[in-house]
Protein backbone atom coordinates (compact mmCIF):
# COMPACT_ATOMS: atom_id res chain seq x y z
CA UNK A 1 3.88 -8.50 27.40
CA UNK A 2 6.63 -8.10 29.95
CA UNK A 3 6.74 -5.57 32.55
CA UNK A 4 10.56 -5.80 33.00
CA UNK A 5 13.23 -7.17 31.11
CA UNK A 6 16.98 -7.60 32.42
CA UNK A 7 19.60 -7.07 30.32
CA UNK A 8 23.15 -9.83 30.87
CA UNK A 9 25.04 -8.03 28.47
CA UNK A 10 27.56 -4.27 28.16
CA UNK A 11 27.90 -1.88 25.99
CA UNK A 12 26.36 -1.78 22.68
CA UNK A 13 24.54 -4.41 22.09
CA UNK A 14 23.01 -3.99 25.67
CA UNK A 15 22.20 -0.07 24.78
CA UNK A 16 20.23 -2.01 21.44
CA UNK A 17 18.30 -4.09 23.44
CA UNK A 18 17.34 -1.44 25.93
CA UNK A 19 15.79 0.63 23.15
CA UNK A 20 14.09 -2.32 22.11
CA UNK A 21 12.36 -2.10 25.50
CA UNK A 22 11.54 1.02 25.48
CA UNK A 23 9.84 1.82 22.47
CA UNK A 24 7.44 -1.79 23.77
CA UNK A 25 6.93 0.33 26.97
CA UNK A 26 9.17 -2.55 29.19
CA UNK A 27 11.72 -1.84 31.57
CA UNK A 28 15.12 -2.34 31.83
CA UNK A 29 18.20 -3.87 34.68
CA UNK A 30 21.64 -2.67 33.47
CA UNK A 31 24.14 -5.33 35.26
CA UNK A 32 27.59 -3.96 35.31
CA UNK A 33 31.24 -5.35 36.71
CA UNK A 34 33.21 -3.07 38.66
CA UNK A 35 35.25 -2.01 34.86
CA UNK A 36 32.20 -0.96 33.93
CA UNK A 37 30.15 1.72 36.36
CA UNK A 38 30.46 4.70 34.49
CA UNK A 39 29.30 2.82 31.61
CA UNK A 40 26.45 4.79 29.19
CA UNK A 41 24.55 1.20 29.41
CA UNK A 42 24.63 0.98 32.82
CA UNK A 43 23.37 4.93 32.96
CA UNK A 44 20.75 4.03 30.05
CA UNK A 45 18.91 1.45 32.18
CA UNK A 46 15.35 2.04 34.51
CA UNK A 47 17.87 0.07 37.22
CA UNK A 48 21.73 -0.97 37.88
CA UNK A 49 22.89 -3.80 39.37
CA UNK A 50 26.53 -4.52 40.44
CA UNK A 51 27.18 -8.23 40.45
CA UNK A 52 31.19 -8.48 40.08
CA UNK A 53 34.93 -7.31 38.96
CA UNK A 54 35.66 -6.55 36.13
CA UNK A 55 36.85 -10.58 34.96
CA UNK A 56 34.40 -11.97 32.83
CA UNK A 57 34.12 -14.87 34.69
CA UNK A 58 33.27 -13.20 37.83
CA UNK A 59 30.88 -10.98 36.56
CA UNK A 60 28.71 -11.44 32.92
CA UNK A 61 29.23 -15.27 32.80
CA UNK A 62 28.45 -15.52 37.01
CA UNK A 63 25.29 -17.30 36.11
CA UNK A 64 24.32 -17.07 39.71
CA UNK A 65 24.63 -13.14 40.29
CA UNK A 66 22.69 -12.83 36.97
CA UNK A 67 19.77 -14.71 38.44
CA UNK A 68 19.66 -12.85 41.92
CA UNK A 69 19.95 -9.77 39.87
CA UNK A 70 16.90 -10.60 37.91
CA UNK A 71 14.77 -12.20 41.19
CA UNK A 72 15.67 -8.57 43.37
CA UNK A 73 14.37 -6.50 41.02
CA UNK A 74 10.91 -8.45 39.54
CA UNK A 75 12.31 -8.51 36.09
CA UNK A 76 10.24 -11.32 34.43
CA UNK A 77 12.60 -11.44 31.94
CA UNK A 78 16.51 -11.10 31.01
CA UNK A 79 17.73 -10.76 27.22
CA UNK A 80 21.11 -12.06 26.72
CA UNK A 81 22.64 -9.99 23.68
CA UNK A 82 25.39 -12.05 22.79
CA UNK A 83 28.16 -13.34 23.46
CA UNK A 84 28.90 -14.28 27.14
CA UNK A 85 25.64 -16.08 27.91
CA UNK A 86 24.13 -16.34 25.39
CA UNK A 87 24.48 -19.47 23.96
CA UNK A 88 24.87 -21.02 27.41
CA UNK A 89 22.81 -24.37 27.64
CA UNK A 90 23.33 -23.97 31.57
CA UNK A 91 22.45 -20.18 31.83
CA UNK A 92 19.38 -20.76 29.79
CA UNK A 93 17.98 -23.84 31.98
CA UNK A 94 18.69 -21.94 35.13
CA UNK A 95 16.36 -19.37 33.46
CA UNK A 96 13.89 -21.44 33.04
CA UNK A 97 14.25 -23.46 36.74
CA UNK A 98 13.39 -19.70 38.34
CA UNK A 99 10.61 -18.82 35.80
CA UNK A 100 12.44 -16.20 34.45
CA UNK A 101 11.96 -16.19 30.53
CA UNK A 102 15.09 -16.96 28.38
CA UNK A 103 14.70 -13.70 25.48
CA UNK A 104 15.77 -16.78 22.83
CA UNK A 105 15.44 -20.08 21.97
CA UNK A 106 14.97 -23.38 24.22
CA UNK A 107 17.77 -24.71 25.51
CA UNK A 108 17.36 -27.59 23.71
CA UNK A 109 17.72 -25.88 20.85
CA UNK A 110 20.74 -24.32 22.06
CA UNK A 111 22.19 -27.52 22.85
CA UNK A 112 21.76 -29.47 19.65
CA UNK A 113 23.05 -26.01 17.93
CA UNK A 114 26.12 -25.94 20.45
CA UNK A 115 28.64 -28.65 19.71
CA UNK A 116 29.66 -28.96 16.50
CA UNK A 117 29.90 -32.51 15.39
CA UNK A 118 26.43 -32.33 16.93
CA UNK A 119 24.82 -29.48 14.56
CA UNK A 120 26.12 -31.09 11.92
CA UNK A 121 25.36 -34.77 13.09
CA UNK A 122 21.16 -33.09 12.96
CA UNK A 123 21.17 -31.41 9.81
CA UNK A 124 22.69 -33.99 7.86
CA UNK A 125 19.74 -35.78 9.00
CA UNK A 126 17.04 -33.07 8.83
CA UNK A 127 18.38 -33.40 4.87
CA UNK A 128 19.91 -30.18 4.84
CA UNK A 129 23.75 -30.14 3.01
CA UNK A 130 26.84 -30.21 4.52
CA UNK A 131 30.88 -29.49 4.11
CA UNK A 132 31.97 -33.37 3.58
CA UNK A 133 33.87 -34.56 6.80
CA UNK A 134 33.29 -36.68 9.88
CA UNK A 135 30.44 -36.47 12.19
CA UNK A 136 32.96 -37.87 14.97
CA UNK A 137 35.56 -36.46 17.32
CA UNK A 138 39.10 -37.30 16.54
CA UNK A 139 41.54 -37.57 18.88
CA UNK A 140 44.27 -40.30 17.60
CA UNK A 141 46.63 -38.18 15.41
CA UNK A 142 47.16 -41.72 12.96
CA UNK A 143 42.87 -41.40 12.96
CA UNK A 144 43.43 -38.06 12.27
CA UNK A 145 45.62 -38.27 8.73
CA UNK A 146 43.87 -40.90 7.99
CA UNK A 147 40.65 -39.07 7.81
CA UNK A 148 42.18 -36.22 6.27
CA UNK A 149 43.41 -38.68 3.71
CA UNK A 150 39.98 -39.67 2.38
CA UNK A 151 38.59 -36.65 2.55
CA UNK A 152 41.64 -34.46 0.87
CA UNK A 153 42.96 -32.07 0.88
CA UNK A 154 43.36 -29.13 2.01
CA UNK A 155 41.11 -29.70 5.30
CA UNK A 156 39.89 -28.08 8.23
CA UNK A 157 40.29 -28.78 11.99
CA UNK A 158 37.91 -27.64 14.52
CA UNK A 159 36.99 -27.76 18.35
CA UNK A 160 33.55 -29.45 18.43
CA UNK A 161 33.01 -26.94 21.51
CA UNK A 162 34.20 -24.16 19.34
CA UNK A 163 33.49 -20.64 17.35
CA UNK A 164 34.35 -17.02 16.25
CA UNK A 165 37.29 -19.14 14.65
CA UNK A 166 38.85 -20.41 17.76
CA UNK A 167 41.57 -23.07 17.26
CA UNK A 168 40.61 -23.71 13.44
CA UNK A 169 43.88 -24.55 11.37
CA UNK A 170 43.75 -25.37 7.76
CA UNK A 171 46.10 -28.23 6.60
CA UNK A 172 46.83 -28.15 2.91
CA UNK A 173 49.71 -31.69 3.58
CA UNK A 174 50.18 -35.06 5.72
CA UNK A 175 53.64 -33.76 7.14
CA UNK A 176 50.92 -30.80 8.03
CA UNK A 177 47.75 -32.61 10.03
CA UNK A 178 49.80 -33.90 13.57
CA UNK A 179 51.29 -30.61 14.32
CA UNK A 180 48.11 -28.74 13.84
CA UNK A 181 45.78 -31.01 15.89
CA UNK A 182 48.07 -30.74 18.52
CA UNK A 183 47.83 -27.06 17.84
CA UNK A 184 43.66 -27.23 17.54
CA UNK A 185 43.58 -29.79 20.93
CA UNK A 186 45.06 -27.74 23.10
CA UNK A 187 43.70 -24.20 22.02
CA UNK A 188 39.99 -25.67 22.11
CA UNK A 189 41.41 -26.96 25.70
CA UNK A 190 42.30 -24.19 27.15
CA UNK A 191 39.05 -21.55 25.69
CA UNK A 192 36.38 -24.00 25.91
CA UNK A 193 37.35 -26.70 28.52
CA UNK A 194 36.43 -29.97 25.82
CA UNK A 195 39.82 -30.75 23.22
CA UNK A 196 37.70 -32.28 20.57
CA UNK A 197 38.30 -32.27 17.33
CA UNK A 198 36.34 -33.14 14.12
CA UNK A 199 37.58 -32.74 10.61
CA UNK A 200 36.14 -30.96 7.38
CA UNK A 201 36.74 -30.57 3.95
CA UNK A 202 38.34 -26.78 3.62
CA UNK A 203 36.57 -24.93 0.62
CA UNK A 204 38.73 -23.45 -1.63
CA UNK A 205 37.66 -19.36 -1.77
CA UNK A 206 34.59 -20.16 -0.45
CA UNK A 207 32.22 -17.29 -0.09
CA UNK A 208 30.38 -16.43 4.23
CA UNK A 209 26.53 -15.99 3.38
CA UNK A 210 24.54 -16.67 6.65
CA UNK A 211 20.56 -16.59 7.02
CA UNK A 212 18.89 -14.51 9.52
CA UNK A 213 15.25 -16.23 10.71
CA UNK A 214 12.60 -15.62 12.54
CA UNK A 215 10.17 -17.98 14.20
CA UNK A 216 7.46 -18.13 17.58
CA UNK A 217 6.74 -20.61 19.62
CA UNK A 218 4.49 -22.02 17.79
CA UNK A 219 6.42 -23.40 14.99
CA UNK A 220 6.11 -19.82 12.37
CA UNK A 221 9.38 -19.84 11.11
CA UNK A 222 10.42 -17.43 8.45
CA UNK A 223 13.70 -16.46 6.46
CA UNK A 224 14.02 -12.91 6.64
CA UNK A 225 17.63 -11.44 4.95
CA UNK A 226 20.10 -13.00 3.66
CA UNK A 227 23.54 -11.43 4.47
CA UNK A 228 27.61 -11.54 2.82
CA UNK A 229 30.05 -12.02 6.39
CA UNK A 230 32.83 -12.78 3.84
CA UNK A 231 35.64 -9.65 4.77
CA UNK A 232 36.74 -11.18 7.73
CA UNK A 233 40.29 -11.34 9.60
CA UNK A 234 41.06 -14.81 11.03
CA UNK A 235 37.76 -15.86 10.54
CA UNK A 236 36.49 -13.34 12.49
CA UNK A 237 34.18 -10.58 10.77
CA UNK A 238 35.04 -7.17 10.15
CA UNK A 239 32.85 -6.44 6.95
CA UNK A 240 28.67 -7.10 6.16
CA UNK A 241 26.38 -6.79 4.08
CA UNK A 242 22.71 -7.36 3.46
CA UNK A 243 21.50 -8.22 0.42
CA UNK A 244 25.22 -10.67 -0.41
CA UNK A 245 26.22 -9.08 -3.88
CA UNK A 246 26.14 -12.68 -5.39
CA UNK A 247 22.37 -13.55 -4.34
CA UNK A 248 20.19 -14.15 -7.05
CA UNK A 249 15.92 -14.65 -6.37
CA UNK A 250 16.12 -18.10 -7.08
CA UNK A 251 19.18 -18.46 -4.60
CA UNK A 252 18.24 -16.80 -1.61
CA UNK A 253 14.99 -18.61 -2.06
CA UNK A 254 17.06 -21.98 -2.67
CA UNK A 255 18.97 -21.01 0.96
CA UNK A 256 16.34 -19.77 3.05
CA UNK A 257 14.24 -22.81 2.17
CA UNK A 258 16.68 -24.81 3.78
CA UNK A 259 17.67 -21.86 6.71
CA UNK A 260 13.87 -22.72 7.80
CA UNK A 261 14.23 -26.38 7.26
CA UNK A 262 17.45 -25.98 9.95
CA UNK A 263 15.85 -24.33 11.82
CA UNK A 264 12.77 -26.31 12.40
CA UNK A 265 14.73 -29.47 12.98
CA UNK A 266 15.31 -28.76 16.39
CA UNK A 267 12.30 -26.90 17.23
CA UNK A 268 13.99 -23.34 16.82
CA UNK A 269 11.69 -20.09 18.34
CA UNK A 270 13.06 -16.76 18.42
CA UNK A 271 15.71 -14.70 16.38
CA UNK A 272 18.67 -16.67 14.88
CA UNK A 273 20.86 -16.75 11.77
CA UNK A 274 22.20 -19.56 9.53
CA UNK A 275 25.75 -19.56 8.35
CA UNK A 276 26.43 -21.40 5.12
CA UNK A 277 29.73 -21.21 3.03
CA UNK A 278 28.95 -20.67 -0.41
CA UNK A 279 31.58 -21.44 -3.13
CA UNK A 280 31.21 -22.80 -7.20
CA UNK A 281 27.70 -22.61 -6.90
CA UNK A 282 26.95 -24.89 -4.28
CA UNK A 283 26.44 -23.65 -0.63
CA UNK A 284 26.40 -26.39 2.79
CA UNK A 285 25.87 -25.59 6.85
CA UNK A 286 28.39 -24.13 9.17
CA UNK A 287 26.82 -23.70 11.76
CA UNK A 288 23.45 -21.97 13.45
CA UNK A 289 24.17 -18.67 15.70
CA UNK A 290 21.09 -19.48 18.34
CA UNK A 291 20.48 -15.83 19.37
CA UNK A 292 20.92 -12.09 17.79
CA UNK A 293 24.41 -11.47 15.63
CA UNK A 294 26.66 -9.15 15.88
CA UNK A 295 25.60 -7.44 12.15
CA UNK A 296 21.79 -7.56 13.02
CA UNK A 297 21.20 -4.05 12.19
CA UNK A 298 21.77 -4.23 8.70
CA UNK A 299 18.95 -6.85 8.11
CA UNK A 300 17.15 -3.98 10.25
CA UNK A 301 17.53 -1.42 7.91
CA UNK A 302 17.49 -3.71 4.52
CA UNK A 303 13.67 -5.12 5.80
CA UNK A 304 12.38 -2.69 7.92
CA UNK A 305 12.31 -5.63 10.82
CA UNK A 306 12.98 -4.98 14.68
CA UNK A 307 14.37 -7.91 14.69
CA UNK A 308 15.34 -6.86 19.02
CA UNK A 309 11.79 -6.16 18.93
CA UNK A 310 10.39 -9.24 17.50
CA UNK A 311 12.83 -11.60 20.00
CA UNK A 312 10.84 -9.38 22.48
CA UNK A 313 7.32 -10.36 21.77
CA UNK A 314 8.03 -13.79 20.48
CA UNK A 315 9.34 -14.58 23.80
CA UNK A 316 6.07 -13.45 25.86
CA UNK A 317 4.40 -14.74 23.98
CA UNK A 318 3.06 -13.19 20.91
CA UNK A 319 2.71 -15.12 17.05
CA UNK A 320 5.36 -14.16 14.31
CA UNK A 321 3.68 -10.61 13.09
CA UNK A 322 5.41 -11.48 9.93
CA UNK A 323 4.57 -14.11 7.10
CA UNK A 324 7.16 -14.87 4.51
CA UNK A 325 5.18 -12.95 1.33
CA UNK A 326 5.90 -10.04 3.22
CA UNK A 327 9.78 -10.32 3.79
CA UNK A 328 10.97 -7.51 1.34
CA UNK A 329 14.71 -6.38 0.64
CA UNK A 330 14.75 -2.50 -0.25
CA UNK A 331 17.87 -1.06 -0.79
CA UNK A 332 21.38 -2.03 0.65
CA UNK A 333 23.19 -1.52 3.85
CA UNK A 334 26.45 -1.91 4.76
CA UNK A 335 28.27 -2.31 8.67
CA UNK A 336 31.59 -2.23 9.72
CA UNK A 337 32.96 -2.73 12.62
CA UNK A 338 34.71 -0.40 14.18
CA UNK A 339 36.99 -1.50 17.35
CA UNK A 340 39.70 -0.07 19.53
CA UNK A 341 42.63 -1.94 17.67
CA UNK A 342 45.57 -1.29 15.88
CA UNK A 343 45.33 -2.02 12.27
CA UNK A 344 48.88 -1.46 11.32
CA UNK A 345 50.16 -3.39 14.43
CA UNK A 346 49.00 -6.79 13.97
CA UNK A 347 45.47 -5.28 15.36
CA UNK A 348 46.54 -5.73 19.40
CA UNK A 349 43.73 -4.01 21.50
CA UNK A 350 43.76 -0.13 22.18
CA UNK A 351 42.35 -0.51 25.26
CA UNK A 352 42.67 3.36 27.23
CA UNK A 353 40.37 7.08 27.31
CA UNK A 354 38.38 8.19 24.54
CA UNK A 355 39.92 11.72 24.92
CA UNK A 356 37.86 12.76 21.64
CA UNK A 357 34.82 11.59 19.88
CA UNK A 358 32.07 12.76 17.25
CA UNK A 359 30.21 9.84 16.05
CA UNK A 360 29.44 10.65 11.91
CA UNK A 361 25.24 11.09 11.04
CA UNK A 362 22.99 12.26 7.80
CA UNK A 363 20.71 9.94 5.53
CA UNK A 364 21.12 6.53 5.63
CA UNK A 365 23.56 6.21 8.52
CA UNK A 366 23.25 4.72 12.27
CA UNK A 367 25.21 4.15 14.91
CA UNK A 368 25.22 1.84 17.66
CA UNK A 369 27.40 2.72 20.21
CA UNK A 370 27.71 2.43 24.42
CA UNK A 371 30.50 4.49 24.32
CA UNK A 372 30.74 9.05 24.67
CA UNK A 373 34.29 11.41 24.75
CA UNK A 374 35.87 10.86 27.67
CA UNK A 375 34.54 6.70 28.29
CA UNK A 376 37.66 4.84 28.83
CA UNK A 377 37.56 1.33 26.87
CA UNK A 378 38.41 -1.26 29.89
CA UNK A 379 41.34 -4.23 28.47
CA UNK A 380 39.07 -7.16 29.52
CA UNK A 381 36.44 -7.57 27.43
CA UNK A 382 35.61 -6.98 23.27
CA UNK A 383 37.82 -4.00 21.52
CA UNK A 384 34.39 -3.05 19.79
CA UNK A 385 33.35 0.76 20.27
CA UNK A 386 30.21 0.66 17.61
CA UNK A 387 28.88 -1.07 15.32
CA UNK A 388 29.02 1.66 11.76
CA UNK A 389 26.05 0.96 9.88
CA UNK A 390 24.69 2.51 5.79
CA UNK A 391 21.89 1.89 4.32
CA UNK A 392 21.22 3.31 0.12
CA UNK A 393 19.65 2.42 -2.70
CA UNK A 394 21.47 0.36 -4.06
CA UNK A 395 25.08 -1.21 -3.34
CA UNK A 396 26.19 1.26 -5.00
CA UNK A 397 24.84 4.22 -2.92
CA UNK A 398 25.71 2.28 0.12
CA UNK A 399 29.78 2.33 -0.25
CA UNK A 400 29.70 6.02 -0.87
CA UNK A 401 27.23 6.77 2.47
CA UNK A 402 29.95 4.58 4.02
CA UNK A 403 33.22 6.31 3.12
CA UNK A 404 31.71 9.40 3.59
CA UNK A 405 30.78 8.06 7.38
CA UNK A 406 34.21 7.05 7.93
CA UNK A 407 35.07 10.78 6.27
CA UNK A 408 33.48 11.67 9.56
CA UNK A 409 33.89 9.68 12.56
CA UNK A 410 36.40 11.11 14.94
CA UNK A 411 38.14 9.10 17.81
CA UNK A 412 40.60 9.99 19.09
CA UNK A 413 42.76 8.33 22.53
CA UNK A 414 42.66 4.99 21.55
CA UNK A 415 43.79 3.54 18.27
CA UNK A 416 40.78 1.96 15.77
CA UNK A 417 40.56 0.23 13.15
CA UNK A 418 38.81 2.99 10.83
CA UNK A 419 42.20 2.93 9.03
CA UNK A 420 41.48 -0.51 7.65
CA UNK A 421 38.38 0.13 6.85
CA UNK A 422 38.58 3.04 4.63
CA UNK A 423 41.45 0.98 2.80
CA UNK A 424 39.00 -2.54 1.84
CA UNK A 425 36.32 0.29 0.54
CA UNK A 426 38.15 2.12 -2.04
CA UNK A 427 39.60 -1.65 -3.31
CA UNK A 428 38.40 -1.96 -6.42
CA UNK A 429 37.77 -6.01 -6.42
CA UNK A 430 35.84 -5.51 -3.04
CA UNK A 431 33.93 -2.49 -4.47
CA UNK A 432 33.06 -5.17 -7.56
CA UNK A 433 31.20 -7.96 -5.21
CA UNK A 434 34.17 -10.49 -6.15
CA UNK A 435 35.00 -11.50 -2.31
CA UNK A 436 35.48 -14.13 -0.65
CA UNK A 437 36.75 -15.24 3.04
CA UNK A 438 40.44 -14.74 2.00
CA UNK A 439 39.95 -11.28 0.54
CA UNK A 440 41.87 -9.40 2.91
CA UNK A 441 45.24 -12.00 2.87
CA UNK A 442 44.66 -11.98 -1.54
CA UNK A 443 44.15 -8.41 -1.94
CA UNK A 444 47.27 -7.64 0.51
CA UNK A 445 44.83 -4.55 2.68
CA UNK A 446 47.21 -4.12 5.60
CA UNK A 447 49.73 -2.34 2.73
CA UNK A 448 47.04 -0.20 1.23
CA UNK A 449 46.13 0.22 5.06
CA UNK A 450 49.36 1.91 5.48
CA UNK A 451 49.24 4.12 2.72
CA UNK A 452 45.68 5.17 3.56
CA UNK A 453 47.06 6.02 7.41
CA UNK A 454 50.24 7.70 5.68
CA UNK A 455 47.77 10.48 3.86
CA UNK A 456 45.62 11.08 6.95
CA UNK A 457 48.57 11.57 8.82
CA UNK A 458 49.68 14.00 5.90
CA UNK A 459 46.78 15.84 5.50
CA UNK A 460 46.80 16.19 9.70
CA UNK A 461 49.47 17.82 10.04
CA UNK A 462 48.85 20.12 7.17
CA UNK A 463 45.76 20.92 8.80
CA UNK A 464 47.44 21.53 12.37
CA UNK A 465 50.00 23.35 10.50
CA UNK A 466 47.21 25.36 8.68
CA UNK A 467 45.13 26.14 11.56
CA UNK A 468 48.16 26.81 14.55
CA UNK A 469 47.65 23.08 15.65
CA UNK A 470 44.56 23.83 17.57
CA UNK A 471 43.43 20.78 19.02
CA UNK A 472 40.07 21.58 19.09
CA UNK A 473 39.52 23.17 16.08
CA UNK A 474 41.11 20.35 14.14
CA UNK A 475 38.37 17.26 15.60
CA UNK A 476 35.95 19.83 14.55
CA UNK A 477 37.01 19.06 10.46
CA UNK A 478 36.58 15.57 11.23
CA UNK A 479 37.38 13.66 7.62
CA UNK A 480 41.29 14.24 7.59
CA UNK A 481 42.41 13.86 11.29
CA UNK A 482 41.06 10.17 11.84
CA UNK A 483 45.05 8.50 12.22
CA UNK A 484 46.65 11.56 12.63
CA UNK A 485 44.55 12.63 15.69
CA UNK A 486 44.81 9.25 17.12
CA UNK A 487 48.75 8.66 17.26
CA UNK A 488 49.07 12.10 19.55
CA UNK A 489 47.98 13.16 22.47
CA UNK A 490 45.41 16.49 22.80
CA UNK A 491 46.89 19.37 23.66
CA UNK A 492 44.57 20.63 25.43
CA UNK A 493 41.93 19.43 27.93
CA UNK A 494 38.43 19.35 26.57
């Protein structure tokens, strides 16, 4: 087992990995930028090394600086978390070249899944079902029109080197193809330095279902559980749950076995996620994320498997501790991504100082967070404040516990999407489990968000009046003041 691990990330995921290391008796090293010198993760680690200015390209994406920090501190391994360099082949290779263990899959596996086109080709060859489309990049407008016509509308244009929904365009007619291609290429060129685009059939009202897999260095591979990730905005996940409401034992076994086949096709080792689109009883490979997912806690809650620990132990050379028969799903878990953003203002990020903070607790609640009272959320990185997870005996109890946790959560000083989550969880269609990736648009959730915001504001004003506008007391009672308090500066310092 390793003696010291460097975590090449920040925020809640850095703390999550450090917690796993601490339980395994491993010392930790944090790396931090100028903007994160007072961050909780830098304080939590046993050691912390400054790696550059605030912009990520000058710090968290600076491979040489991170490798140097690992060498100077004697770290034997590096955990990349998610985002930043977690799926960067060059970083994984740099670790290998410097005799530092990369806690993740081999660079060859990352490379094979890094391009969406290569991934499609690899999966098709392995017998994994893929969405109808082309397996080559396309740049010529006339050729793009011909391909789209042959596939049949609607189609999806996707950057080959992309991720997170960046640059993706849905095209419903011939007239839309060329403008969409131009736009997608421009975004891809700016975001990824590669404007290669491919085209595939757009599935109407699909579900986004993914499977967590684990594999050791001897080829022993299992699927841990499924996750439903259909509540999305602009292809970004906001609410996830495990298991999927649509899942049956037979479907889980079929999709899970395909996920294992996909992982084995690229000689995968570590934790990873195989993502599928599910529509009308059929499922198709979407992509493979060669890292730990943001939503991994819900899998941990329903299976009892510590995925971060498993990653570390596999990377240290240990055999996978589980067989497929060991994987049992107990209960239901839901995760809400709590972001510093304004749902009433097109979800624009809301960096700034958190002047009041109280996280929820009680039965079945888990909060993975990297903030604290008085912490300043910097404008340079993702706006994630925390991952709020609720576990219950069944989906009904998990929803009830999540609603209670949202009721308890206080974050003052920055705008948050707490009201968005409240609106979704009270929606009757969501509660029935009848969801798809177009849910937010189809249900006009933003109108419901406005209603929740208005209700919270009225409750907050009534409480303020009843209590003499004592904001210290008002913050302590949590529930109704979420929106009202977040939109106003406190009248006294704490």
